[in-house]
Protein backbone atom coordinates (compact mmCIF):
# COMPACT_ATOMS: atom_id res chain seq x y z
CA UNK A 1 101.02 97.51 109.39
CA UNK A 2 102.36 94.34 108.04
CA UNK A 3 103.15 91.52 110.55
CA UNK A 4 106.10 89.46 109.49
CA UNK A 5 105.45 85.70 109.93
CA UNK A 6 108.72 84.54 111.39
CA UNK A 7 109.27 80.65 111.88
CA UNK A 8 109.88 79.08 115.20
CA UNK A 9 113.50 77.87 116.03
CA UNK A 10 114.67 75.20 113.64
CA UNK A 11 111.30 75.56 111.49
CA UNK A 12 111.25 77.02 108.00
CA UNK A 13 108.54 78.40 106.00
CA UNK A 14 108.97 78.76 102.22
CA UNK A 15 106.92 80.59 99.57
CA UNK A 16 104.21 78.27 98.14
CA UNK A 17 103.99 77.82 94.29
CA UNK A 18 100.89 75.69 93.52
CA UNK A 19 97.34 75.60 92.76
CA UNK A 20 95.46 77.52 95.40
CA UNK A 21 92.35 76.43 97.38
CA UNK A 22 89.90 77.69 99.85
CA UNK A 23 89.37 74.40 101.92
CA UNK A 24 91.65 71.40 102.80
CA UNK A 25 91.28 67.89 102.68
CA UNK A 26 91.20 65.19 105.63
CA UNK A 27 90.31 67.78 108.28
CA UNK A 28 88.34 65.12 109.89
CA UNK A 29 91.51 62.92 110.25
CA UNK A 30 89.79 59.89 108.78
CA UNK A 31 92.42 59.00 106.14
CA UNK A 32 95.66 57.29 107.51
CA UNK A 33 98.50 55.15 106.03
CA UNK A 34 100.64 52.70 107.77
CA UNK A 35 104.19 53.49 106.72
CA UNK A 36 106.23 50.29 107.12
CA UNK A 37 109.65 52.04 106.93
CA UNK A 38 112.07 49.10 107.86
CA UNK A 39 112.96 46.24 105.55
CA UNK A 40 114.85 44.55 108.57
CA UNK A 41 111.85 45.02 110.90
CA UNK A 42 108.79 44.97 108.61
CA UNK A 43 106.46 45.04 111.60
CA UNK A 44 107.54 48.62 112.42
CA UNK A 45 105.47 51.31 111.25
CA UNK A 46 104.27 54.90 111.95
CA UNK A 47 101.10 56.59 110.94
CA UNK A 48 100.86 59.17 108.05
CA UNK A 49 97.79 61.48 107.76
CA UNK A 50 96.95 60.41 104.19
CA UNK A 51 95.23 57.50 102.45
CA UNK A 52 97.95 56.09 100.32
CA UNK A 53 101.49 57.14 101.59
CA UNK A 54 101.62 60.14 99.16
CA UNK A 55 101.77 63.51 100.85
CA UNK A 56 98.50 65.52 100.64
CA UNK A 57 98.52 68.59 102.81
CA UNK A 58 99.10 67.16 106.31
CA UNK A 59 102.31 66.10 107.70
CA UNK A 60 103.87 65.07 111.12
CA UNK A 61 107.21 64.80 112.68
CA UNK A 62 107.15 61.04 113.03
CA UNK A 63 109.67 60.31 110.15
CA UNK A 64 112.36 61.80 112.52
CA UNK A 65 111.92 58.95 115.00
CA UNK A 66 112.42 55.79 113.00
CA UNK A 67 115.77 54.93 114.72
CA UNK A 68 114.22 54.68 118.18
CA UNK A 69 111.00 53.53 116.76
CA UNK A 70 109.14 55.77 118.94
CA UNK A 71 106.37 57.96 117.27
CA UNK A 72 104.66 61.05 119.09
CA UNK A 73 101.76 61.24 116.50
CA UNK A 74 99.34 58.54 115.77
CA UNK A 75 95.87 57.61 114.54
CA UNK A 76 93.28 56.91 117.39
CA UNK A 77 89.79 55.44 117.32
CA UNK A 78 88.90 57.89 120.28
CA UNK A 79 87.10 60.16 117.90
CA UNK A 80 84.16 62.75 118.12
CA UNK A 81 82.48 60.87 115.19
CA UNK A 82 83.64 58.82 112.28
CA UNK A 83 86.28 56.25 112.85
CA UNK A 84 89.40 58.24 113.62
CA UNK A 85 91.03 61.33 114.99
CA UNK A 86 94.61 62.29 115.73
CA UNK A 87 96.44 61.66 118.91
CA UNK A 88 99.49 63.66 119.82
CA UNK A 89 101.90 62.84 122.83
CA UNK A 90 105.11 64.38 123.95
CA UNK A 91 107.57 61.55 124.51
CA UNK A 92 111.17 61.00 125.47
CA UNK A 93 113.40 60.38 122.57
CA UNK A 94 117.06 59.81 123.43
CA UNK A 95 116.50 61.80 126.69
CA UNK A 96 114.82 64.89 124.95
CA UNK A 97 111.20 65.86 124.86
CA UNK A 98 109.68 65.13 121.34
CA UNK A 99 106.23 66.79 121.05
CA UNK A 100 103.44 65.09 119.01
CA UNK A 101 102.35 67.31 116.13
CA UNK A 102 100.40 67.61 112.93
CA UNK A 103 100.45 70.42 110.47
CA UNK A 104 99.81 71.74 106.96
CA UNK A 105 103.12 71.57 105.12
CA UNK A 106 106.22 69.37 104.52
CA UNK A 107 108.70 67.70 106.89
CA UNK A 108 112.31 66.95 106.49
CA UNK A 109 113.50 64.26 108.75
CA UNK A 110 117.04 64.71 110.12
CA UNK A 111 116.68 63.64 113.88
CA UNK A 112 117.44 66.76 116.07
CA UNK A 113 118.11 68.81 112.95
CA UNK A 114 114.66 68.26 111.24
CA UNK A 115 112.92 70.96 109.61
CA UNK A 116 109.01 71.61 109.26
CA UNK A 117 108.09 73.53 106.39
CA UNK A 118 104.78 74.98 107.30
CA UNK A 119 102.02 76.22 104.82
CA UNK A 120 100.14 74.86 101.68
CA UNK A 121 98.55 76.95 99.08
CA UNK A 122 95.47 78.78 100.05
CA UNK A 123 93.47 81.88 98.94
CA UNK A 124 90.37 81.76 101.15
CA UNK A 125 89.65 84.35 103.81
CA UNK A 126 87.61 82.37 106.38
CA UNK A 127 86.06 83.87 109.35
CA UNK A 128 86.77 81.09 111.90
CA UNK A 129 88.83 77.95 112.50
CA UNK A 130 86.85 75.39 114.30
CA UNK A 131 87.12 71.86 115.74
CA UNK A 132 87.13 69.67 118.77
CA UNK A 133 89.96 68.79 121.26
CA UNK A 134 90.88 67.50 124.63
CA UNK A 135 94.20 67.76 126.51
CA UNK A 136 96.02 66.40 129.46
CA UNK A 137 99.25 68.47 130.15
CA UNK A 138 102.34 66.88 131.45
CA UNK A 139 104.71 68.40 133.95
CA UNK A 140 107.71 70.93 133.15
CA UNK A 141 109.78 71.73 136.27
CA UNK A 142 106.54 71.83 138.52
CA UNK A 143 104.38 73.74 136.10
CA UNK A 144 101.75 72.30 133.50
CA UNK A 145 102.72 72.04 129.94
CA UNK A 146 100.74 73.96 127.33
CA UNK A 147 99.35 72.67 123.94
CA UNK A 148 99.00 74.88 120.82
CA UNK A 149 96.27 74.87 118.18
CA UNK A 150 96.52 77.68 115.57
CA UNK A 151 95.93 78.58 111.94
CA UNK A 152 97.90 81.37 110.12
CA UNK A 153 96.93 83.03 106.71
CA UNK A 154 99.93 84.65 105.14
CA UNK A 155 101.34 85.89 101.91
CA UNK A 156 104.87 86.08 100.26
CA UNK A 157 105.40 89.77 99.49
CA UNK A 158 108.61 89.32 97.23
CA UNK A 159 111.02 89.42 100.16
CA UNK A 160 109.52 87.87 103.23
CA UNK A 161 106.29 86.17 104.37
CA UNK A 162 103.94 88.46 105.78
CA UNK A 163 101.02 87.34 108.34
CA UNK A 164 97.37 88.38 107.20
CA UNK A 165 95.42 86.64 109.95
CA UNK A 166 95.65 84.36 112.78
CA UNK A 167 93.33 82.20 114.89
CA UNK A 168 94.85 80.54 117.96
CA UNK A 169 94.26 78.60 121.18
CA UNK A 170 96.73 77.58 123.92
CA UNK A 171 95.60 75.36 126.80
CA UNK A 172 97.58 74.61 130.00
CA UNK A 173 94.57 73.00 131.97
CA UNK A 174 93.14 69.44 131.55
CA UNK A 175 90.34 69.10 129.15
CA UNK A 176 89.19 65.70 129.86
CA UNK A 177 86.37 65.42 127.23
CA UNK A 178 86.08 66.38 123.59
CA UNK A 179 85.48 70.10 123.58
CA UNK A 180 84.51 72.31 120.77
CA UNK A 181 86.49 75.34 119.91
CA UNK A 182 85.55 78.27 117.56
CA UNK A 183 88.59 80.61 116.86
CA UNK A 184 87.66 83.77 115.15
CA UNK A 185 90.52 84.85 112.70
CA UNK A 186 92.18 88.33 113.48
CA UNK A 187 92.94 89.98 110.35
CA UNK A 188 95.89 92.31 109.94
CA UNK A 189 95.56 92.94 106.41
CA UNK A 190 92.87 93.08 103.52
CA UNK A 191 95.47 91.18 101.12
CA UNK A 192 94.58 87.84 99.59
CA UNK A 193 96.53 85.05 101.41
CA UNK A 194 98.52 82.66 99.25
CA UNK A 195 99.18 80.09 102.13
CA UNK A 196 97.63 78.68 105.20
CA UNK A 197 99.43 77.06 108.08
CA UNK A 198 97.59 74.97 110.59
CA UNK A 199 99.54 73.56 113.47
CA UNK A 200 98.58 71.39 116.52
CA UNK A 201 101.13 70.24 119.09
CA UNK A 202 101.05 68.56 122.45
CA UNK A 203 103.70 71.00 123.72
CA UNK A 204 103.71 74.58 122.58
CA UNK A 205 107.61 74.82 122.92
CA UNK A 206 108.21 71.41 121.36
CA UNK A 207 110.38 72.95 118.60
CA UNK A 208 112.79 74.00 121.38
CA UNK A 209 112.57 70.53 122.77
CA UNK A 210 110.73 71.63 125.88
CA UNK A 211 107.76 69.86 126.97
CA UNK A 212 106.18 67.75 129.67
CA UNK A 213 106.45 64.09 129.14
CA UNK A 214 103.21 62.52 128.57
CA UNK A 215 101.38 65.70 127.51
CA UNK A 216 98.70 64.41 125.16
CA UNK A 217 96.42 66.31 122.78
CA UNK A 218 93.53 64.75 120.71
CA UNK A 219 91.96 66.61 117.84
CA UNK A 220 89.03 65.83 115.43
CA UNK A 221 86.73 67.40 112.84
CA UNK A 222 88.69 70.58 112.21
CA UNK A 223 86.91 73.00 109.79
CA UNK A 224 87.20 76.47 108.25
CA UNK A 225 84.11 78.58 108.65
CA UNK A 226 83.05 81.29 106.11
CA UNK A 227 80.18 83.43 107.02
CA UNK A 228 77.73 83.33 104.04
CA UNK A 229 74.62 84.69 105.92
CA UNK A 230 72.66 86.63 103.42
CA UNK A 231 72.06 90.14 104.03
CA UNK A 232 69.38 92.33 102.35
CA UNK A 233 70.46 95.65 100.93
CA UNK A 234 67.89 97.45 103.27
CA UNK A 235 69.83 96.08 106.33
CA UNK A 236 73.37 96.83 104.99
CA UNK A 237 75.43 99.49 106.76
CA UNK A 238 74.35 102.76 105.43
CA UNK A 239 77.73 103.60 104.05
CA UNK A 240 77.96 100.47 101.65
CA UNK A 241 75.54 99.39 98.97
CA UNK A 242 75.80 96.48 96.56
CA UNK A 243 73.76 96.05 93.48
CA UNK A 244 73.97 93.37 90.81
CA UNK A 245 72.31 93.60 87.26
CA UNK A 246 73.23 92.10 83.79
CA UNK A 247 76.67 90.72 84.81
CA UNK A 248 77.69 93.98 86.43
CA UNK A 249 78.36 94.25 90.18
CA UNK A 250 78.06 97.81 91.54
CA UNK A 251 79.50 98.78 94.83
CA UNK A 252 78.92 102.27 96.53
CA UNK A 253 80.72 103.10 99.84
CA UNK A 254 81.50 106.55 101.51
CA UNK A 255 85.23 106.13 101.72
CA UNK A 256 87.94 105.13 99.20
CA UNK A 257 89.52 102.92 101.64
CA UNK A 258 90.60 99.35 100.33
CA UNK A 259 88.09 96.57 100.34
CA UNK A 260 88.04 93.11 98.97
CA UNK A 261 85.21 91.55 97.05
CA UNK A 262 84.81 87.70 96.90
CA UNK A 263 82.13 85.88 95.05
CA UNK A 264 81.26 82.18 96.08
CA UNK A 265 79.10 79.66 94.64
CA UNK A 266 76.56 77.75 96.67
CA UNK A 267 79.47 74.97 97.42
CA UNK A 268 81.54 77.60 99.05
CA UNK A 269 84.01 77.63 96.12
CA UNK A 270 85.47 81.06 95.40
CA UNK A 271 84.78 81.87 91.64
CA UNK A 272 85.80 85.56 91.56
CA UNK A 273 87.95 88.09 93.67
CA UNK A 274 88.93 91.66 93.22
CA UNK A 275 90.05 94.75 95.26
CA UNK A 276 88.30 98.03 95.25
CA UNK A 277 89.58 101.45 96.28
CA UNK A 278 87.02 103.94 95.03
CA UNK A 279 83.85 105.23 96.30
CA UNK A 280 81.82 103.80 93.45
CA UNK A 281 82.96 100.69 91.35
CA UNK A 282 81.42 98.93 88.49
CA UNK A 283 82.71 95.24 88.25
CA UNK A 284 82.21 93.19 85.03
CA UNK A 285 81.85 89.76 86.42
CA UNK A 286 83.17 86.88 84.32
CA UNK A 287 80.86 84.21 82.66
CA UNK A 288 79.22 82.22 85.33
CA UNK A 289 76.88 79.40 85.50
CA UNK A 290 73.17 80.37 86.36
CA UNK A 291 72.43 80.04 90.11
CA UNK A 292 72.71 81.75 93.58
CA UNK A 293 76.02 83.31 94.73
CA UNK A 294 77.18 84.84 97.90
CA UNK A 295 79.08 88.25 97.35
CA UNK A 296 81.27 89.16 100.41
CA UNK A 297 82.88 92.51 100.96
CA UNK A 298 85.58 92.89 103.52
CA UNK A 299 86.94 96.29 104.62
CA UNK A 300 90.13 97.36 106.02
CA UNK A 301 88.48 97.56 109.44
CA UNK A 302 87.53 93.87 108.95
CA UNK A 303 83.75 94.55 108.72
CA UNK A 304 82.37 91.96 106.40
CA UNK A 305 79.16 92.34 104.58
CA UNK A 306 77.50 89.74 102.35
CA UNK A 307 74.74 89.70 99.86
CA UNK A 308 73.06 86.89 98.05
CA UNK A 309 72.60 87.46 94.40
CA UNK A 310 71.07 85.44 91.57
CA UNK A 311 72.86 85.05 88.21
CA UNK A 312 70.59 83.94 85.39
């Protein structure tokens, strides 16, 4: 069943038309740029999560706060390792909670009518979303605030954006020290995604201007994990067998259910992908450089089988 990916209040998600990728830049939040946005006050600036002031995957809502010169998201030297990490704090701006956030996509600044356009081109099918975080919740009418950390894989089906997989973490308790998270993607479809939306925010309901003032979320060293563990044919599930010989990949399974075959080189780059729906398939692979490749087969039931193959 398709899950429709509906945007949060005041947030839009547009179909993405660009070169696809299976990994993302600056997930360690080492690259930052000081945006000195005011000619009148040249010392005023806010941090952008890129190295030169040109958009590159990551965005924040900072540009909506130039008038009060109060910015909820900033670079911090309090990092797991390396030089920097990202710090997000829910602050009061004109009497309204403004959550700190960082996300993949674009941001259109218009004060309280600003829009976050979630999503960047992406065709990978990772197994997990990983990283480090720590969190101090503020207070909302006597209850602790909640931070949100999640990644969504989705695809435009011609009329609407459909959610393919999701990995998510919500925390309302204090996490005083950097803590590792390992979030498994839950797949709802065997379709190949065309977009990934990664969102981190100090207040889960910040898009509705609800949050505890002072809620603070730190994050560092995010990553997308692909399980490339090699599996010998003798140890495969008995209903699925994968063979390779002379540029032909042969797949035998005992059901005609839809499955996806992905082929990765040793750097993790996807070099080939196709769908299977027969009991037996012969696939002519494109011309590839000699070397070791990882063949991954994912079924509709989300069972994934991998095999290491040598192409000469």
